[in-house]
Amino acid sequence: YKNTVHHSSLHELQHVKKYDLAIWKKVIDTHLKKANFITNDIFELPNELISQIVIFSNQLEKYIDIHQTVAVLSAFPIFLHDYYGNEEIKKRLAN
């Protein structure tokens, strides 16, 4: 997995210590959109909090059971979404 990610990921995302605010915002935005797509089939910021069990259940039903694949999500953006709430995250990502 790590070898595949290393060779297929964007160069600017390979070194977490070098992330600036713009990259962090992009990572958070993309992972929250991916979680929303997994659970609601819409690739946009979610309108409500998404629990981890709902993400897991949808991954199992839509991807693992059918295609034996899974989307990798970072827990950090989901934690921020849970902690700050939906509207605050949207506001912070917009600035």
PDB file of N, CA and C in Angstrom:
ATOM      1  N   TYR A   1       0.820  -1.189   0.000  1.00  0.00           N
ATOM      2  CA  TYR A   1       0.000   0.000   0.000  1.00  0.00           C
ATOM      3  C   TYR A   1       0.869   1.261   0.000  1.00  0.00           C
ATOM      4  N   LYS A   2       1.838   1.308   0.898  1.00  0.00           N
ATOM      5  CA  LYS A   2       2.688   2.502   0.986  1.00  0.00           C
ATOM      6  C   LYS A   2       3.456   2.733  -0.304  1.00  0.00           C
ATOM      7  N   ASN A   3       3.920   1.667  -0.935  1.00  0.00           N
ATOM      8  CA  ASN A   3       4.642   1.798  -2.196  1.00  0.00           C
ATOM      9  C   ASN A   3       3.725   2.345  -3.290  1.00  0.00           C
ATOM     10  N   THR A   4       2.507   1.851  -3.356  1.00  0.00           N
ATOM     11  CA  THR A   4       1.534   2.330  -4.344  1.00  0.00           C
ATOM     12  C   THR A   4       1.239   3.806  -4.121  1.00  0.00           C
ATOM     13  N   VAL A   5       0.994   4.184  -2.888  1.00  0.00           N
ATOM     14  CA  VAL A   5       0.696   5.583  -2.569  1.00  0.00           C
ATOM     15  C   VAL A   5       1.885   6.468  -2.922  1.00  0.00           C
ATOM     16  N   HIS A   6       3.077   6.020  -2.590  1.00  0.00           N
ATOM     17  CA  HIS A   6       4.277   6.815  -2.877  1.00  0.00           C
ATOM     18  C   HIS A   6       4.402   7.106  -4.371  1.00  0.00           C
ATOM     19  N   HIS A   7       4.116   6.140  -5.199  1.00  0.00           N
ATOM     20  CA  HIS A   7       4.287   6.302  -6.637  1.00  0.00           C
ATOM     21  C   HIS A   7       3.095   6.958  -7.329  1.00  0.00           C
ATOM     22  N   SER A   8       1.948   6.979  -6.683  1.00  0.00           N
ATOM     23  CA  SER A   8       0.774   7.527  -7.364  1.00  0.00           C
ATOM     24  C   SER A   8       0.253   8.826  -6.752  1.00  0.00           C
ATOM     25  N   SER A   9       0.792   9.234  -5.622  1.00  0.00           N
ATOM     26  CA  SER A   9       0.288  10.449  -4.975  1.00  0.00           C
ATOM     27  C   SER A   9       0.949  11.700  -5.540  1.00  0.00           C
ATOM     28  N   LEU A  10       0.299  12.821  -5.298  1.00  0.00           N
ATOM     29  CA  LEU A  10       0.864  14.095  -5.720  1.00  0.00           C
ATOM     30  C   LEU A  10       2.123  14.397  -4.909  1.00  0.00           C
ATOM     31  N   HIS A  11       3.122  14.917  -5.566  1.00  0.00           N
ATOM     32  CA  HIS A  11       4.412  15.172  -4.910  1.00  0.00           C
ATOM     33  C   HIS A  11       4.254  16.062  -3.675  1.00  0.00           C
ATOM     34  N   GLU A  12       3.431  17.120  -3.778  1.00  0.00           N
ATOM     35  CA  GLU A  12       3.291  18.066  -2.660  1.00  0.00           C
ATOM     36  C   GLU A  12       2.593  17.453  -1.450  1.00  0.00           C
ATOM     37  N   LEU A  13       2.010  16.269  -1.610  1.00  0.00           N
ATOM     38  CA  LEU A  13       1.337  15.613  -0.486  1.00  0.00           C
ATOM     39  C   LEU A  13       2.183  14.521   0.160  1.00  0.00           C
ATOM     40  N   GLN A  14       3.379  14.307  -0.315  1.00  0.00           N
ATOM     41  CA  GLN A  14       4.205  13.215   0.193  1.00  0.00           C
ATOM     42  C   GLN A  14       4.953  13.534   1.478  1.00  0.00           C
ATOM     43  N   HIS A  15       5.049  14.802   1.853  1.00  0.00           N
ATOM     44  CA  HIS A  15       5.806  15.183   3.040  1.00  0.00           C
ATOM     45  C   HIS A  15       4.934  16.036   3.954  1.00  0.00           C
ATOM     46  N   VAL A  16       4.301  15.399   4.928  1.00  0.00           N
ATOM     47  CA  VAL A  16       3.339  16.067   5.808  1.00  0.00           C
ATOM     48  C   VAL A  16       3.966  17.251   6.529  1.00  0.00           C
ATOM     49  N   LYS A  17       5.213  17.150   6.893  1.00  0.00           N
ATOM     50  CA  LYS A  17       5.878  18.244   7.616  1.00  0.00           C
ATOM     51  C   LYS A  17       5.969  19.520   6.785  1.00  0.00           C
ATOM     52  N   LYS A  18       5.821  19.409   5.487  1.00  0.00           N
ATOM     53  CA  LYS A  18       5.914  20.576   4.604  1.00  0.00           C
ATOM     54  C   LYS A  18       4.541  21.141   4.230  1.00  0.00           C
ATOM     55  N   TYR A  19       3.483  20.584   4.771  1.00  0.00           N
ATOM     56  CA  TYR A  19       2.137  21.078   4.442  1.00  0.00           C
ATOM     57  C   TYR A  19       1.960  22.508   4.940  1.00  0.00           C
ATOM     58  N   ASP A  20       1.408  23.353   4.089  1.00  0.00           N
ATOM     59  CA  ASP A  20       1.021  24.688   4.513  1.00  0.00           C
ATOM     60  C   ASP A  20      -0.498  24.700   4.729  1.00  0.00           C
ATOM     61  N   LEU A  21      -1.041  25.841   5.106  1.00  0.00           N
ATOM     62  CA  LEU A  21      -2.467  25.938   5.407  1.00  0.00           C
ATOM     63  C   LEU A  21      -3.324  25.561   4.202  1.00  0.00           C
ATOM     64  N   ALA A  22      -2.919  25.971   3.010  1.00  0.00           N
ATOM     65  CA  ALA A  22      -3.693  25.667   1.801  1.00  0.00           C
ATOM     66  C   ALA A  22      -3.780  24.156   1.553  1.00  0.00           C
ATOM     67  N   ILE A  23      -2.670  23.464   1.754  1.00  0.00           N
ATOM     68  CA  ILE A  23      -2.685  22.002   1.554  1.00  0.00           C
ATOM     69  C   ILE A  23      -3.544  21.335   2.621  1.00  0.00           C
ATOM     70  N   TRP A  24      -3.432  21.773   3.886  1.00  0.00           N
ATOM     71  CA  TRP A  24      -4.269  21.192   4.942  1.00  0.00           C
ATOM     72  C   TRP A  24      -5.743  21.381   4.625  1.00  0.00           C
ATOM     73  N   LYS A  25      -6.105  22.576   4.150  1.00  0.00           N
ATOM     74  CA  LYS A  25      -7.502  22.827   3.800  1.00  0.00           C
ATOM     75  C   LYS A  25      -7.951  21.899   2.681  1.00  0.00           C
ATOM     76  N   LYS A  26      -7.095  21.676   1.683  1.00  0.00           N
ATOM     77  CA  LYS A  26      -7.438  20.791   0.563  1.00  0.00           C
ATOM     78  C   LYS A  26      -7.612  19.350   1.048  1.00  0.00           C
ATOM     79  N   VAL A  27      -6.723  18.896   1.923  1.00  0.00           N
ATOM     80  CA  VAL A  27      -6.822  17.535   2.462  1.00  0.00           C
ATOM     81  C   VAL A  27      -8.120  17.363   3.250  1.00  0.00           C
ATOM     82  N   ILE A  28      -8.422  18.321   4.115  1.00  0.00           N
ATOM     83  CA  ILE A  28      -9.639  18.258   4.930  1.00  0.00           C
ATOM     84  C   ILE A  28     -10.869  18.289   4.039  1.00  0.00           C
ATOM     85  N   ASP A  29     -10.888  19.211   3.087  1.00  0.00           N
ATOM     86  CA  ASP A  29     -12.010  19.339   2.155  1.00  0.00           C
ATOM     87  C   ASP A  29     -12.230  18.041   1.371  1.00  0.00           C
ATOM     88  N   THR A  30     -11.167  17.496   0.814  1.00  0.00           N
ATOM     89  CA  THR A  30     -11.276  16.293  -0.016  1.00  0.00           C
ATOM     90  C   THR A  30     -11.737  15.079   0.793  1.00  0.00           C
ATOM     91  N   HIS A  31     -11.187  14.900   1.988  1.00  0.00           N
ATOM     92  CA  HIS A  31     -11.577  13.737   2.792  1.00  0.00           C
ATOM     93  C   HIS A  31     -13.020  13.840   3.276  1.00  0.00           C
ATOM     94  N   LEU A  32     -13.464  15.037   3.622  1.00  0.00           N
ATOM     95  CA  LEU A  32     -14.865  15.193   4.032  1.00  0.00           C
ATOM     96  C   LEU A  32     -15.805  14.966   2.849  1.00  0.00           C
ATOM     97  N   LYS A  33     -15.408  15.432   1.667  1.00  0.00           N
ATOM     98  CA  LYS A  33     -16.221  15.180   0.472  1.00  0.00           C
ATOM     99  C   LYS A  33     -16.253  13.687   0.153  1.00  0.00           C
ATOM    100  N   LYS A  34     -15.119  13.014   0.320  1.00  0.00           N
ATOM    101  CA  LYS A  34     -15.073  11.577   0.054  1.00  0.00           C
ATOM    102  C   LYS A  34     -15.959  10.815   1.042  1.00  0.00           C
ATOM    103  N   ALA A  35     -15.930  11.213   2.306  1.00  0.00           N
ATOM    104  CA  ALA A  35     -16.798  10.569   3.307  1.00  0.00           C
ATOM    105  C   ALA A  35     -18.265  10.785   2.960  1.00  0.00           C
ATOM    106  N   ASN A  36     -18.596  11.981   2.495  1.00  0.00           N
ATOM    107  CA  ASN A  36     -19.975  12.277   2.101  1.00  0.00           C
ATOM    108  C   ASN A  36     -20.368  11.464   0.874  1.00  0.00           C
ATOM    109  N   PHE A  37     -19.434  11.294  -0.050  1.00  0.00           N
ATOM    110  CA  PHE A  37     -19.730  10.484  -1.240  1.00  0.00           C
ATOM    111  C   PHE A  37     -19.978   9.031  -0.848  1.00  0.00           C
ATOM    112  N   ILE A  38     -19.167   8.517   0.047  1.00  0.00           N
ATOM    113  CA  ILE A  38     -19.332   7.131   0.492  1.00  0.00           C
ATOM    114  C   ILE A  38     -20.699   6.931   1.140  1.00  0.00           C
ATOM    115  N   THR A  39     -21.126   7.908   1.910  1.00  0.00           N
ATOM    116  CA  THR A  39     -22.380   7.738   2.657  1.00  0.00           C
ATOM    117  C   THR A  39     -23.616   8.258   1.930  1.00  0.00           C
ATOM    118  N   ASN A  40     -23.459   9.313   1.121  1.00  0.00           N
ATOM    119  CA  ASN A  40     -24.628   9.947   0.493  1.00  0.00           C
ATOM    120  C   ASN A  40     -24.560  10.051  -1.028  1.00  0.00           C
ATOM    121  N   ASP A  41     -23.487   9.523  -1.627  1.00  0.00           N
ATOM    122  CA  ASP A  41     -23.305   9.549  -3.085  1.00  0.00           C
ATOM    123  C   ASP A  41     -23.217  10.963  -3.660  1.00  0.00           C
ATOM    124  N   ILE A  42     -22.744  11.920  -2.862  1.00  0.00           N
ATOM    125  CA  ILE A  42     -22.599  13.308  -3.303  1.00  0.00           C
ATOM    126  C   ILE A  42     -21.195  13.773  -2.922  1.00  0.00           C
ATOM    127  N   PHE A  43     -20.401  14.171  -3.921  1.00  0.00           N
ATOM    128  CA  PHE A  43     -19.033  14.623  -3.655  1.00  0.00           C
ATOM    129  C   PHE A  43     -19.031  16.122  -3.390  1.00  0.00           C
ATOM    130  N   GLU A  44     -19.504  16.486  -2.210  1.00  0.00           N
ATOM    131  CA  GLU A  44     -19.472  17.860  -1.721  1.00  0.00           C
ATOM    132  C   GLU A  44     -19.385  17.798  -0.208  1.00  0.00           C
ATOM    133  N   LEU A  45     -19.077  18.941   0.406  1.00  0.00           N
ATOM    134  CA  LEU A  45     -19.001  18.943   1.865  1.00  0.00           C
ATOM    135  C   LEU A  45     -20.325  18.470   2.451  1.00  0.00           C
ATOM    136  N   PRO A  46     -20.263  17.634   3.470  1.00  0.00           N
ATOM    137  CA  PRO A  46     -21.504  17.132   4.066  1.00  0.00           C
ATOM    138  C   PRO A  46     -22.296  18.238   4.750  1.00  0.00           C
ATOM    139  N   ASN A  47     -23.601  18.058   4.796  1.00  0.00           N
ATOM    140  CA  ASN A  47     -24.484  19.013   5.471  1.00  0.00           C
ATOM    141  C   ASN A  47     -24.740  18.638   6.919  1.00  0.00           C
ATOM    142  N   GLU A  48     -24.248  17.480   7.318  1.00  0.00           N
ATOM    143  CA  GLU A  48     -24.394  17.044   8.706  1.00  0.00           C
ATOM    144  C   GLU A  48     -23.212  16.166   9.071  1.00  0.00           C
ATOM    145  N   LEU A  49     -23.032  15.943  10.351  1.00  0.00           N
ATOM    146  CA  LEU A  49     -21.955  15.084  10.817  1.00  0.00           C
ATOM    147  C   LEU A  49     -22.207  13.655  10.367  1.00  0.00           C
ATOM    148  N   ILE A  50     -21.126  12.950  10.058  1.00  0.00           N
ATOM    149  CA  ILE A  50     -21.224  11.562   9.605  1.00  0.00           C
ATOM    150  C   ILE A  50     -20.495  10.692  10.614  1.00  0.00           C
ATOM    151  N   SER A  51     -21.198   9.748  11.198  1.00  0.00           N
ATOM    152  CA  SER A  51     -20.557   8.888  12.192  1.00  0.00           C
ATOM    153  C   SER A  51     -19.665   7.848  11.514  1.00  0.00           C
ATOM    154  N   GLN A  52     -18.685   7.391  12.245  1.00  0.00           N
ATOM    155  CA  GLN A  52     -17.760   6.399  11.708  1.00  0.00           C
ATOM    156  C   GLN A  52     -18.467   5.090  11.385  1.00  0.00           C
ATOM    157  N   ILE A  53     -19.466   4.729  12.156  1.00  0.00           N
ATOM    158  CA  ILE A  53     -20.176   3.476  11.875  1.00  0.00           C
ATOM    159  C   ILE A  53     -20.966   3.583  10.573  1.00  0.00           C
ATOM    160  N   VAL A  54     -21.481   4.768  10.268  1.00  0.00           N
ATOM    161  CA  VAL A  54     -22.197   4.966   8.996  1.00  0.00           C
ATOM    162  C   VAL A  54     -21.210   4.884   7.833  1.00  0.00           C
ATOM    163  N   ILE A  55     -20.036   5.485   7.991  1.00  0.00           N
ATOM    164  CA  ILE A  55     -19.007   5.386   6.949  1.00  0.00           C
ATOM    165  C   ILE A  55     -18.630   3.926   6.740  1.00  0.00           C
ATOM    166  N   PHE A  56     -18.370   3.217   7.827  1.00  0.00           N
ATOM    167  CA  PHE A  56     -17.988   1.807   7.716  1.00  0.00           C
ATOM    168  C   PHE A  56     -19.087   0.978   7.058  1.00  0.00           C
ATOM    169  N   SER A  57     -20.324   1.150   7.486  1.00  0.00           N
ATOM    170  CA  SER A  57     -21.438   0.375   6.933  1.00  0.00           C
ATOM    171  C   SER A  57     -21.583   0.598   5.431  1.00  0.00           C
ATOM    172  N   ASN A  58     -21.451   1.852   5.016  1.00  0.00           N
ATOM    173  CA  ASN A  58     -21.550   2.157   3.586  1.00  0.00           C
ATOM    174  C   ASN A  58     -20.360   1.624   2.803  1.00  0.00           C
ATOM    175  N   GLN A  59     -19.177   1.702   3.379  1.00  0.00           N
ATOM    176  CA  GLN A  59     -18.002   1.116   2.722  1.00  0.00           C
ATOM    177  C   GLN A  59     -18.217  -0.384   2.517  1.00  0.00           C
ATOM    178  N   LEU A  60     -18.691  -1.044   3.558  1.00  0.00           N
ATOM    179  CA  LEU A  60     -18.915  -2.484   3.491  1.00  0.00           C
ATOM    180  C   LEU A  60     -19.938  -2.824   2.421  1.00  0.00           C
ATOM    181  N   GLU A  61     -21.061  -2.148   2.454  1.00  0.00           N
ATOM    182  CA  GLU A  61     -22.168  -2.434   1.541  1.00  0.00           C
ATOM    183  C   GLU A  61     -21.861  -2.066   0.086  1.00  0.00           C
ATOM    184  N   LYS A  62     -21.262  -0.899  -0.133  1.00  0.00           N
ATOM    185  CA  LYS A  62     -21.090  -0.390  -1.495  1.00  0.00           C
ATOM    186  C   LYS A  62     -19.777  -0.794  -2.162  1.00  0.00           C
ATOM    187  N   TYR A  63     -18.754  -1.077  -1.363  1.00  0.00           N
ATOM    188  CA  TYR A  63     -17.441  -1.295  -1.950  1.00  0.00           C
ATOM    189  C   TYR A  63     -16.809  -2.632  -1.564  1.00  0.00           C
ATOM    190  N   ILE A  64     -16.718  -2.903  -0.274  1.00  0.00           N
ATOM    191  CA  ILE A  64     -16.018  -4.111   0.166  1.00  0.00           C
ATOM    192  C   ILE A  64     -16.752  -5.364  -0.298  1.00  0.00           C
ATOM    193  N   ASP A  65     -18.050  -5.453  -0.022  1.00  0.00           N
ATOM    194  CA  ASP A  65     -18.819  -6.639  -0.390  1.00  0.00           C
ATOM    195  C   ASP A  65     -18.928  -6.832  -1.897  1.00  0.00           C
ATOM    196  N   ILE A  66     -18.935  -5.749  -2.648  1.00  0.00           N
ATOM    197  CA  ILE A  66     -19.139  -5.832  -4.096  1.00  0.00           C
ATOM    198  C   ILE A  66     -17.828  -5.925  -4.866  1.00  0.00           C
ATOM    199  N   HIS A  67     -16.885  -5.026  -4.561  1.00  0.00           N
ATOM    200  CA  HIS A  67     -15.661  -4.907  -5.359  1.00  0.00           C
ATOM    201  C   HIS A  67     -14.389  -5.302  -4.611  1.00  0.00           C
ATOM    202  N   GLN A  68     -14.515  -5.642  -3.332  1.00  0.00           N
ATOM    203  CA  GLN A  68     -13.358  -5.935  -2.485  1.00  0.00           C
ATOM    204  C   GLN A  68     -12.371  -4.766  -2.481  1.00  0.00           C
ATOM    205  N   THR A  69     -12.915  -3.538  -2.485  1.00  0.00           N
ATOM    206  CA  THR A  69     -12.091  -2.336  -2.400  1.00  0.00           C
ATOM    207  C   THR A  69     -12.576  -1.498  -1.224  1.00  0.00           C
ATOM    208  N   VAL A  70     -11.739  -0.566  -0.827  1.00  0.00           N
ATOM    209  CA  VAL A  70     -12.094   0.320   0.270  1.00  0.00           C
ATOM    210  C   VAL A  70     -11.441   1.684   0.018  1.00  0.00           C
ATOM    211  N   ALA A  71     -12.151   2.748   0.339  1.00  0.00           N
ATOM    212  CA  ALA A  71     -11.584   4.085   0.246  1.00  0.00           C
ATOM    213  C   ALA A  71     -10.858   4.391   1.546  1.00  0.00           C
ATOM    214  N   VAL A  72      -9.672   4.915   1.435  1.00  0.00           N
ATOM    215  CA  VAL A  72      -8.891   5.271   2.615  1.00  0.00           C
ATOM    216  C   VAL A  72      -9.225   6.710   2.995  1.00  0.00           C
ATOM    217  N   LEU A  73      -9.649   6.881   4.225  1.00  0.00           N
ATOM    218  CA  LEU A  73      -9.976   8.206   4.744  1.00  0.00           C
ATOM    219  C   LEU A  73      -9.082   8.521   5.932  1.00  0.00           C
ATOM    220  N   SER A  74      -8.639   9.748   5.999  1.00  0.00           N
ATOM    221  CA  SER A  74      -7.896  10.195   7.165  1.00  0.00           C
ATOM    222  C   SER A  74      -8.881  10.485   8.295  1.00  0.00           C
ATOM    223  N   ALA A  75      -8.544  10.071   9.494  1.00  0.00           N
ATOM    224  CA  ALA A  75      -9.402  10.334  10.650  1.00  0.00           C
ATOM    225  C   ALA A  75      -9.350  11.795  11.064  1.00  0.00           C
ATOM    226  N   PHE A  76      -8.265  12.489  10.735  1.00  0.00           N
ATOM    227  CA  PHE A  76      -8.087  13.876  11.167  1.00  0.00           C
ATOM    228  C   PHE A  76      -9.186  14.807  10.659  1.00  0.00           C
ATOM    229  N   PRO A  77      -9.511  14.825   9.355  1.00  0.00           N
ATOM    230  CA  PRO A  77     -10.600  15.698   8.893  1.00  0.00           C
ATOM    231  C   PRO A  77     -11.953  15.345   9.526  1.00  0.00           C
ATOM    232  N   ILE A  78     -12.199  14.078   9.741  1.00  0.00           N
ATOM    233  CA  ILE A  78     -13.463  13.655  10.359  1.00  0.00           C
ATOM    234  C   ILE A  78     -13.507  14.111  11.814  1.00  0.00           C
ATOM    235  N   PHE A  79     -12.373  14.022  12.504  1.00  0.00           N
ATOM    236  CA  PHE A  79     -12.292  14.528  13.872  1.00  0.00           C
ATOM    237  C   PHE A  79     -12.591  16.025  13.911  1.00  0.00           C
ATOM    238  N   LEU A  80     -11.969  16.797  13.011  1.00  0.00           N
ATOM    239  CA  LEU A  80     -12.210  18.241  12.976  1.00  0.00           C
ATOM    240  C   LEU A  80     -13.677  18.557  12.691  1.00  0.00           C
ATOM    241  N   HIS A  81     -14.267  17.815  11.797  1.00  0.00           N
ATOM    242  CA  HIS A  81     -15.680  18.005  11.465  1.00  0.00           C
ATOM    243  C   HIS A  81     -16.550  17.724  12.688  1.00  0.00           C
ATOM    244  N   ASP A  82     -16.250  16.658  13.392  1.00  0.00           N
ATOM    245  CA  ASP A  82     -16.999  16.331  14.614  1.00  0.00           C
ATOM    246  C   ASP A  82     -16.797  17.398  15.688  1.00  0.00           C
ATOM    247  N   TYR A  83     -15.553  17.863  15.836  1.00  0.00           N
ATOM    248  CA  TYR A  83     -15.221  18.798  16.908  1.00  0.00           C
ATOM    249  C   TYR A  83     -15.797  20.194  16.655  1.00  0.00           C
ATOM    250  N   TYR A  84     -15.574  20.718  15.457  1.00  0.00           N
ATOM    251  CA  TYR A  84     -15.985  22.098  15.159  1.00  0.00           C
ATOM    252  C   TYR A  84     -17.419  22.208  14.643  1.00  0.00           C
ATOM    253  N   GLY A  85     -17.940  21.137  14.100  1.00  0.00           N
ATOM    254  CA  GLY A  85     -19.282  21.191  13.544  1.00  0.00           C
ATOM    255  C   GLY A  85     -19.265  21.574  12.075  1.00  0.00           C
ATOM    256  N   ASN A  86     -20.371  21.358  11.452  1.00  0.00           N
ATOM    257  CA  ASN A  86     -20.484  21.511  10.013  1.00  0.00           C
ATOM    258  C   ASN A  86     -20.286  22.952   9.542  1.00  0.00           C
ATOM    259  N   GLU A  87     -20.985  23.888  10.129  1.00  0.00           N
ATOM    260  CA  GLU A  87     -20.922  25.275   9.652  1.00  0.00           C
ATOM    261  C   GLU A  87     -19.546  25.900   9.884  1.00  0.00           C
ATOM    262  N   GLU A  88     -18.931  25.607  11.021  1.00  0.00           N
ATOM    263  CA  GLU A  88     -17.607  26.168  11.315  1.00  0.00           C
ATOM    264  C   GLU A  88     -16.564  25.623  10.340  1.00  0.00           C
ATOM    265  N   ILE A  89     -16.624  24.333  10.026  1.00  0.00           N
ATOM    266  CA  ILE A  89     -15.689  23.750   9.068  1.00  0.00           C
ATOM    267  C   ILE A  89     -15.865  24.401   7.702  1.00  0.00           C
ATOM    268  N   LYS A  90     -17.106  24.536   7.260  1.00  0.00           N
ATOM    269  CA  LYS A  90     -17.351  25.173   5.956  1.00  0.00           C
ATOM    270  C   LYS A  90     -16.799  26.599   5.932  1.00  0.00           C
ATOM    271  N   LYS A  91     -16.995  27.328   7.017  1.00  0.00           N
ATOM    272  CA  LYS A  91     -16.507  28.704   7.097  1.00  0.00           C
ATOM    273  C   LYS A  91     -14.988  28.732   7.040  1.00  0.00           C
ATOM    274  N   ARG A  92     -14.336  27.858   7.784  1.00  0.00           N
ATOM    275  CA  ARG A  92     -12.867  27.847   7.823  1.00  0.00           C
ATOM    276  C   ARG A  92     -12.269  27.406   6.501  1.00  0.00           C
ATOM    277  N   LEU A  93     -12.913  26.478   5.817  1.00  0.00           N
ATOM    278  CA  LEU A  93     -12.385  26.025   4.536  1.00  0.00           C
ATOM    279  C   LEU A  93     -12.585  27.081   3.446  1.00  0.00           C
ATOM    280  N   ALA A  94     -13.592  27.926   3.596  1.00  0.00           N
ATOM    281  CA  ALA A  94     -13.865  28.961   2.601  1.00  0.00           C
ATOM    282  C   ALA A  94     -12.862  30.113   2.673  1.00  0.00           C
ATOM    283  N   ASN A  95     -12.283  30.345   3.843  1.00  0.00           N
ATOM    284  CA  ASN A  95     -11.337  31.467   4.006  1.00  0.00           C
ATOM    285  C   ASN A  95      -9.948  31.107   3.581  1.00  0.00           C
TER     286      ASN A  95
END
